[in-house]
Protein backbone atom coordinates (compact mmCIF):
# COMPACT_ATOMS: atom_id res chain seq x y z
CA MET A 1 295.99 39.44 54.12
CA TYR A 2 294.54 38.85 57.57
CA PHE A 3 291.07 38.43 56.04
CA LEU A 4 292.37 35.73 53.71
CA THR A 5 294.21 34.06 56.61
CA ALA A 6 291.05 34.00 58.74
CA LEU A 7 289.03 32.71 55.78
CA GLY A 8 291.54 29.92 55.20
CA CYS A 9 291.47 28.98 58.88
CA THR A 10 287.66 28.95 58.80
CA ILE A 11 287.64 26.62 55.81
CA ILE A 12 290.21 24.29 57.38
CA ALA A 13 288.46 24.25 60.76
CA THR A 14 285.08 23.58 59.13
CA LEU A 15 286.51 20.70 57.10
CA LEU A 16 288.14 19.27 60.23
CA TRP A 17 284.84 19.52 62.09
CA PHE A 18 282.98 17.88 59.19
CA PHE A 19 285.33 14.92 58.94
CA PHE A 20 285.83 14.46 62.70
CA ARG A 21 282.36 15.39 63.98
CA ASP A 22 281.96 11.98 65.61
CA ARG A 23 284.77 12.89 68.04
CA LYS A 24 282.77 15.22 70.26
CA ASN A 25 285.55 15.71 72.81
CA LEU A 26 287.63 17.68 70.27
CA HIS A 27 284.99 20.44 70.13
CA LEU A 28 286.04 21.44 66.62
CA GLU A 29 282.79 23.36 66.23
CA ILE A 30 284.22 25.94 68.63
CA LEU A 31 287.29 26.34 66.44
CA ALA A 32 285.14 26.73 63.31
CA ILE A 33 282.87 29.29 64.98
CA THR A 34 285.83 31.24 66.36
CA TYR A 35 287.52 31.53 62.98
CA GLY A 36 284.17 32.22 61.30
CA ALA A 37 283.60 35.14 63.66
CA ALA A 38 287.13 36.43 62.99
CA THR A 39 286.49 36.17 59.24
CA LEU A 40 283.27 38.15 59.61
CA MET A 41 285.08 40.79 61.67
CA TRP A 42 287.88 41.15 59.08
CA LEU A 43 285.32 41.22 56.25
CA VAL A 44 283.57 44.18 57.87
CA ASP A 45 286.97 45.84 58.32
CA CYS A 46 287.79 45.30 54.64
CA ILE A 47 284.42 46.72 53.56
CA PHE A 48 284.92 49.83 55.67
CA SER A 49 288.46 50.20 54.34
CA ALA A 50 287.16 50.03 50.78
CA ALA A 51 284.41 52.52 51.60
CA GLY A 52 287.04 54.85 53.07
CA GLY A 53 288.97 54.91 49.81
CA GLU A 54 291.63 52.36 50.71
CA GLY A 55 292.09 48.96 49.11
CA PHE A 56 289.81 46.08 50.04
CA LEU A 57 292.74 43.85 50.95
CA SER A 58 295.99 44.97 52.51
CA PHE A 59 299.35 43.29 52.00
CA GLU A 60 301.64 45.46 54.12
CA PHE A 61 304.52 43.50 55.59
CA PRO A 62 305.30 42.94 58.47
CA THR A 63 302.15 44.49 59.99
CA ASP A 64 299.63 42.27 58.22
CA GLY A 65 301.80 39.23 58.82
CA TRP A 66 301.75 39.85 62.56
CA ILE A 67 297.99 40.46 62.57
CA SER A 68 297.48 37.20 60.67
CA LEU A 69 299.70 35.30 63.09
CA TRP A 70 297.85 36.69 66.11
CA THR A 71 294.51 35.80 64.50
CA VAL A 72 295.60 32.18 64.03
CA LEU A 73 297.15 31.88 67.50
CA GLY A 74 294.20 33.63 69.18
CA GLY A 75 291.71 31.24 67.61
CA ILE A 76 293.75 28.21 68.64
CA PHE A 77 294.18 29.58 72.17
CA ILE A 78 290.45 30.20 72.62
CA TRP A 79 289.66 26.75 71.24
CA LEU A 80 292.14 25.02 73.56
CA ILE A 81 290.86 26.84 76.65
CA LEU A 82 287.18 26.18 75.88
CA ALA A 83 287.79 22.55 74.90
CA PHE A 84 289.72 22.02 78.14
CA ILE A 85 286.92 23.58 80.20
CA LEU A 86 284.18 21.61 78.43
CA ASN A 87 286.06 18.31 78.66
CA ASN A 88 286.73 18.79 82.37
CA LYS A 89 283.13 19.79 82.94
CA GLU A 90 281.98 16.52 81.35
CA LYS A 91 284.39 14.48 83.50
CA THR A 92 283.26 16.10 86.76
CA ALA A 93 279.59 15.60 85.85
CA VAL A 94 280.25 11.88 85.32
CA THR A 95 282.13 11.41 88.60
CA GLU A 96 279.54 13.19 90.77
């Protein structure tokens, strides 16, 4: 479930970046890359789970629900922090 959540977030973030790429101060490429990396990480986890004899996807509640929630919130948190840093860096470079 967390793999599908990360994949969905990657698709949404990539579409947002594609349609709003002229707004550079949003730094949506960071959000797309963050969720893309999380998707790759969960894909490797699913492959190793399948190789270990378990199912490729897991739908255990509430564990997978919490992991999915933390994946979404973690990606948004990283994006907000990096966008804030990059936007402030640009403002200080202009004022100096």
